[in-house]
Amino acid sequence: AADGDGDRNMILGKQFFVSPSDSLAVIAANADDIPFFRSQGGLKGVARSMPTSGAVDRVAKDLNFSLFETPTGWKYFGNLMDSKELFGGTDFTPFLCGEESFGTGSDHVREKDGIWAVLAWLQILAVANTDASKPLTTVEDIVTAHWKKYGRNYYARWDFEGMDKSKCEAMMDKMRADIATNTGKTVGKYTIAKSDDFEYVDPVDGSVAKGQGMRFIMADGSRVIFRLSGTAGSGATVRMYIEQYEPENINMVAANALADLIRLGLDLCDINGFLGTEEPTVIT
């Protein structure tokens, strides 16, 4: 499915939702099934926004693709696509990129393209179903096979909408102030290996983007991320991203798999203390 102007996409099987992060990873893993990539010698580079899960990272490592973690915003992907043509740098094309907010694209256009993503999935399904004598391979079958090979990145995004801007900024400032205190701290089964405010140095033009989101990265690779957006008249939106990697236990309900990490995230930001709630407006 795509939205009204066709730039975003959602992949669904029969009673089976594919997260945008998993969709990106599956397309990367099956890139040779897609003529656009295959005809150019295969996929070379992949990129995801920082809050997007690391599912595609495992594919990139396995298949030796160049991998980039960028701030949220398609302009960062565009620079990577144009590295050679406009900047005389390394050629990362053919290129695949995506964000957790249902945006997926390639270097055929410098914007997300929901129609292209849907067609890419249809091509992957077509290749998986060339033998009519065999049972139908479904969207769920393809994703499950992917998880069995690469493991599963359980993932959710909690949005707290219409919040007071000044209180949201105070909450983010407190997390920044506590970076040193939180780094190395053990809470329950998690040890916070790294806490920082994400900063990106563009490998193409050297520009620096600071203050791109608070990250808490656990020793086991799990992550909790906080970003503040939508600071217009309707109030600010706090987004909390939660990610837990499981190499073998791939059949849990996501909410159950993430429960301990969600609790940790709510405590780390003290959203109840600052904003008076722990109930999100939207869960994705």
Protein backbone atom coordinates (compact mmCIF):
# COMPACT_ATOMS: atom_id res chain seq x y z
CA ALA A 1 0.00 0.00 0.00
CA ALA A 2 1.07 3.61 -0.55
CA ASP A 3 -0.16 6.93 0.79
CA GLY A 4 -2.05 9.53 -1.21
CA ASP A 5 0.90 11.02 -3.06
CA GLY A 6 2.71 7.69 -3.37
CA ASP A 7 5.93 8.59 -1.59
CA ARG A 8 5.44 6.34 1.46
CA ASN A 9 4.66 2.64 1.53
CA MET A 10 3.41 -0.08 3.86
CA ILE A 11 4.02 -3.76 3.20
CA LEU A 12 1.37 -6.15 4.50
CA GLY A 13 0.81 -9.87 4.15
CA LYS A 14 -2.26 -11.75 5.29
CA GLN A 15 -2.65 -10.50 8.87
CA PHE A 16 1.08 -9.81 8.82
CA PHE A 17 2.67 -6.36 9.12
CA VAL A 18 6.20 -5.75 7.85
CA SER A 19 7.92 -2.91 9.66
CA PRO A 20 9.61 -0.36 7.38
CA SER A 21 12.96 -1.34 8.92
CA ASP A 22 12.43 -5.00 8.07
CA SER A 23 11.15 -4.10 4.61
CA LEU A 24 14.36 -2.20 3.87
CA ALA A 25 16.45 -5.15 5.05
CA VAL A 26 14.49 -7.68 2.99
CA ILE A 27 14.80 -5.59 -0.19
CA ALA A 28 18.55 -5.29 0.39
CA ALA A 29 18.90 -9.04 0.97
CA ASN A 30 16.98 -9.79 -2.23
CA ALA A 31 18.38 -6.95 -4.34
CA ASP A 32 19.60 -9.31 -7.07
CA ASP A 33 15.97 -10.25 -7.75
CA ILE A 34 15.30 -6.65 -8.83
CA PRO A 35 16.36 -5.89 -12.44
CA PHE A 36 17.24 -2.25 -11.64
CA PHE A 37 19.99 -3.45 -9.31
CA ARG A 38 20.98 -6.63 -11.13
CA SER A 39 21.44 -4.91 -14.50
CA GLN A 40 23.97 -2.49 -12.96
CA GLY A 41 26.10 -5.20 -11.38
CA GLY A 42 24.28 -5.39 -8.07
CA LEU A 43 23.55 -3.16 -5.11
CA LYS A 44 26.57 -1.24 -3.78
CA GLY A 45 25.38 0.99 -0.95
CA VAL A 46 22.60 1.07 1.64
CA ALA A 47 21.64 3.75 4.14
CA ARG A 48 19.13 4.15 6.94
CA SER A 49 18.17 7.01 9.19
CA MET A 50 19.60 6.70 12.69
CA PRO A 51 16.25 5.84 14.39
CA THR A 52 15.56 3.07 11.85
CA SER A 53 16.39 -0.38 13.19
CA GLY A 54 19.73 -2.01 12.42
CA ALA A 55 18.17 -4.91 10.50
CA VAL A 56 19.68 -3.72 7.22
CA ASP A 57 23.10 -3.42 8.88
CA ARG A 58 23.34 -7.20 9.19
CA VAL A 59 22.51 -7.63 5.52
CA ALA A 60 25.08 -5.02 4.51
CA LYS A 61 27.77 -6.75 6.55
CA ASP A 62 26.88 -10.15 5.11
CA LEU A 63 26.75 -8.99 1.48
CA ASN A 64 29.55 -6.43 1.71
CA PHE A 65 27.51 -3.32 0.91
CA SER A 66 28.68 0.14 1.94
CA LEU A 67 26.52 1.12 4.92
CA PHE A 68 25.55 4.56 6.22
CA GLU A 69 23.62 5.70 9.30
CA THR A 70 22.34 9.24 8.71
CA PRO A 71 20.16 11.79 10.50
CA THR A 72 16.47 11.80 9.61
CA GLY A 73 15.94 13.62 6.31
CA TRP A 74 16.19 12.53 2.69
CA LYS A 75 18.83 15.14 1.81
CA TYR A 76 21.46 13.01 3.53
CA PHE A 77 20.62 10.07 1.28
CA GLY A 78 20.73 12.35 -1.75
CA ASN A 79 24.30 13.38 -1.03
CA LEU A 80 25.37 9.74 -0.89
CA MET A 81 23.63 9.02 -4.19
CA ASP A 82 25.39 11.97 -5.83
CA SER A 83 28.80 11.32 -4.28
CA LYS A 84 30.51 10.59 -7.59
CA GLU A 85 28.46 12.56 -10.10
CA LEU A 86 28.32 15.89 -8.24
CA PHE A 87 31.19 15.69 -5.77
CA GLY A 88 33.74 13.54 -7.60
CA GLY A 89 33.82 11.01 -4.77
CA THR A 90 33.09 7.32 -4.36
CA ASP A 91 30.27 5.84 -6.42
CA PHE A 92 27.77 4.20 -4.02
CA THR A 93 25.17 3.49 -6.70
CA PRO A 94 23.11 1.40 -7.20
CA PHE A 95 21.86 2.58 -3.83
CA LEU A 96 19.02 1.67 -1.45
CA CYS A 97 17.82 3.74 1.48
CA GLY A 98 14.97 4.00 3.93
CA GLU A 99 13.51 5.45 7.11
CA GLU A 100 11.34 3.96 9.83
CA SER A 101 8.59 6.44 8.90
CA PHE A 102 7.55 4.31 5.88
CA GLY A 103 9.90 5.90 3.36
CA THR A 104 11.95 3.71 0.99
CA GLY A 105 13.83 4.63 -2.15
CA SER A 106 16.73 4.18 -4.51
CA ASP A 107 18.95 6.33 -6.71
CA HIS A 108 16.46 6.48 -9.60
CA VAL A 109 15.02 9.58 -7.87
CA ARG A 110 16.20 11.82 -5.04
CA GLU A 111 13.13 11.25 -2.89
CA LYS A 112 11.32 8.38 -1.24
CA ASP A 113 9.17 6.41 -3.66
CA GLY A 114 6.38 4.26 -2.26
CA ILE A 115 5.32 2.95 -5.67
CA TRP A 116 8.87 1.78 -6.36
CA ALA A 117 9.03 0.01 -2.98
CA VAL A 118 5.76 -1.83 -3.63
CA LEU A 119 7.00 -2.89 -7.07
CA ALA A 120 10.27 -4.08 -5.54
CA TRP A 121 8.32 -6.30 -3.16
CA LEU A 122 6.13 -7.61 -5.98
CA GLN A 123 9.30 -8.52 -7.90
CA ILE A 124 10.71 -10.37 -4.88
CA LEU A 125 7.43 -12.26 -4.52
CA ALA A 126 7.38 -13.08 -8.24
CA VAL A 127 10.89 -14.54 -8.12
CA ALA A 128 9.93 -16.60 -5.05
CA ASN A 129 6.90 -18.03 -6.87
CA THR A 130 8.19 -19.08 -10.29
CA ASP A 131 7.11 -22.72 -9.82
CA ALA A 132 3.31 -22.90 -9.98
CA SER A 133 3.35 -26.50 -8.74
CA LYS A 134 4.66 -25.42 -5.34
CA PRO A 135 2.72 -23.74 -2.52
CA LEU A 136 2.53 -19.95 -2.67
CA THR A 137 5.41 -18.16 -0.97
CA THR A 138 3.85 -15.29 0.97
CA VAL A 139 5.09 -12.01 2.40
CA GLU A 140 5.18 -13.67 5.81
CA ASP A 141 7.23 -16.59 4.42
CA ILE A 142 9.83 -14.23 2.98
CA VAL A 143 10.16 -12.19 6.17
CA THR A 144 10.27 -15.28 8.39
CA ALA A 145 13.02 -16.80 6.24
CA HIS A 146 14.91 -13.51 6.52
CA TRP A 147 14.62 -13.56 10.33
CA LYS A 148 15.83 -17.16 10.47
CA LYS A 149 18.96 -16.17 8.57
CA TYR A 150 19.72 -12.77 10.11
CA GLY A 151 17.79 -12.72 13.39
CA ARG A 152 15.00 -10.31 14.25
CA ASN A 153 15.19 -6.67 15.32
CA TYR A 154 12.07 -6.17 17.44
CA TYR A 155 11.12 -2.54 17.05
CA ALA A 156 8.52 0.05 18.03
CA ARG A 157 8.08 3.81 17.99
CA TRP A 158 6.11 5.61 20.68
CA ASP A 159 4.88 9.12 19.86
CA PHE A 160 3.81 11.56 22.56
CA GLU A 161 2.00 14.29 20.63
CA GLY A 162 0.82 17.75 21.63
CA MET A 163 3.33 18.12 24.46
CA ASP A 164 4.55 21.41 25.97
CA LYS A 165 7.60 22.48 23.97
CA SER A 166 9.57 23.97 26.87
CA LYS A 167 9.06 20.89 29.04
CA CYS A 168 10.09 18.61 26.17
CA GLU A 169 13.26 20.62 25.64
CA ALA A 170 14.00 20.47 29.37
CA MET A 171 13.63 16.68 29.26
CA MET A 172 16.02 16.41 26.31
CA ASP A 173 18.50 18.76 28.03
CA LYS A 174 18.44 16.61 31.17
CA MET A 175 19.30 13.50 29.15
CA ARG A 176 22.18 15.37 27.51
CA ALA A 177 23.43 16.50 30.89
CA ASP A 178 23.33 12.91 32.17
CA ILE A 179 25.35 11.39 29.30
CA ALA A 180 28.43 10.73 31.40
CA THR A 181 26.41 9.48 34.37
CA ASN A 182 24.34 7.06 32.27
CA THR A 183 27.21 5.64 30.22
CA GLY A 184 28.28 2.37 31.81
CA LYS A 185 25.25 2.19 34.09
CA THR A 186 23.55 -1.19 34.56
CA VAL A 187 19.77 -1.20 34.90
CA GLY A 188 18.14 -4.60 35.24
CA LYS A 189 19.50 -6.87 32.51
CA TYR A 190 20.82 -3.97 30.44
CA THR A 191 24.15 -2.15 30.58
CA ILE A 192 24.26 1.21 28.81
CA ALA A 193 27.44 0.89 26.76
CA LYS A 194 27.04 4.29 25.10
CA SER A 195 24.92 7.37 25.61
CA ASP A 196 25.20 10.33 23.24
CA ASP A 197 23.46 13.02 21.21
CA PHE A 198 23.84 11.71 17.66
CA GLU A 199 26.16 13.72 15.43
CA TYR A 200 26.73 13.05 11.73
CA VAL A 201 29.68 14.08 9.61
CA ASP A 202 28.63 13.80 5.97
CA PRO A 203 31.23 11.64 4.18
CA VAL A 204 30.47 13.39 0.89
CA ASP A 205 30.58 17.13 1.60
CA GLY A 206 31.99 17.19 5.15
CA SER A 207 29.01 19.03 6.65
CA VAL A 208 28.20 18.33 10.30
CA ALA A 209 24.71 17.76 11.72
CA LYS A 210 24.58 17.94 15.52
CA GLY A 211 21.83 17.29 18.05
CA GLN A 212 20.09 14.64 15.97
CA GLY A 213 18.67 12.55 18.82
CA MET A 214 19.56 11.09 22.19
CA ARG A 215 20.81 7.52 21.95
CA PHE A 216 21.14 4.88 24.63
CA ILE A 217 22.97 1.89 23.16
CA MET A 218 23.08 -1.23 25.32
CA ALA A 219 25.95 -3.68 25.55
CA ASP A 220 23.86 -6.29 23.69
CA GLY A 221 23.16 -3.85 20.82
CA SER A 222 19.64 -2.91 21.91
CA ARG A 223 18.80 0.78 21.58
CA VAL A 224 16.48 3.42 22.99
CA ILE A 225 16.39 6.71 21.09
CA PHE A 226 14.61 10.00 21.74
CA ARG A 227 13.90 12.73 19.22
CA LEU A 228 11.90 15.94 19.49
CA SER A 229 9.93 17.16 16.49
CA GLY A 230 6.85 19.09 15.45
CA THR A 231 7.44 22.13 17.60
CA ALA A 232 4.74 24.20 15.84
CA GLY A 233 1.63 25.72 17.43
CA SER A 234 -0.05 22.36 18.04
CA GLY A 235 2.71 21.42 20.48
CA ALA A 236 5.82 19.29 20.33
CA THR A 237 6.08 15.57 19.67
CA VAL A 238 8.46 13.35 21.59
CA ARG A 239 9.36 10.18 19.71
CA MET A 240 10.82 7.20 21.57
CA TYR A 241 12.28 4.41 19.43
CA ILE A 242 12.90 1.00 20.99
CA GLU A 243 14.92 -1.80 19.39
CA GLN A 244 15.87 -5.25 20.71
CA TYR A 245 17.84 -7.73 18.61
CA GLU A 246 17.17 -11.46 18.98
CA PRO A 247 19.33 -13.83 16.90
CA GLU A 248 17.09 -16.89 17.36
CA ASN A 249 13.92 -16.06 19.31
CA ILE A 250 12.02 -14.61 16.35
CA ASN A 251 8.39 -15.49 17.15
CA MET A 252 7.64 -13.30 20.15
CA VAL A 253 4.97 -10.60 20.22
CA ALA A 254 6.89 -7.36 19.71
CA ALA A 255 5.30 -5.64 22.73
CA ASN A 256 6.40 -8.49 24.98
CA ALA A 257 9.91 -8.63 23.52
CA LEU A 258 10.35 -4.90 24.10
CA ALA A 259 8.62 -4.56 27.49
CA ASP A 260 11.77 -4.35 29.64
CA LEU A 261 13.48 -1.96 27.23
CA ILE A 262 10.40 0.27 27.08
CA ARG A 263 10.35 0.49 30.87
CA LEU A 264 14.03 1.39 30.86
CA GLY A 265 13.46 4.10 28.26
CA LEU A 266 10.59 5.69 30.17
CA ASP A 267 12.72 5.78 33.31
CA LEU A 268 15.79 7.19 31.55
CA CYS A 269 13.89 10.15 30.10
CA ASP A 270 11.58 10.63 33.13
CA ILE A 271 8.79 11.56 30.77
CA ASN A 272 6.23 11.23 33.55
CA GLY A 273 8.15 13.72 35.67
CA PHE A 274 8.57 16.23 32.86
CA LEU A 275 5.35 15.76 30.86
CA GLY A 276 3.02 14.01 33.30
CA THR A 277 2.36 10.94 31.18
CA GLU A 278 3.75 7.59 30.11
CA GLU A 279 0.91 6.88 27.69
CA PRO A 280 1.83 7.43 24.02
CA THR A 281 -0.56 9.00 21.55
CA VAL A 282 0.51 6.60 18.79
CA ILE A 283 2.45 3.33 18.77
CA THR A 284 3.95 2.18 15.47
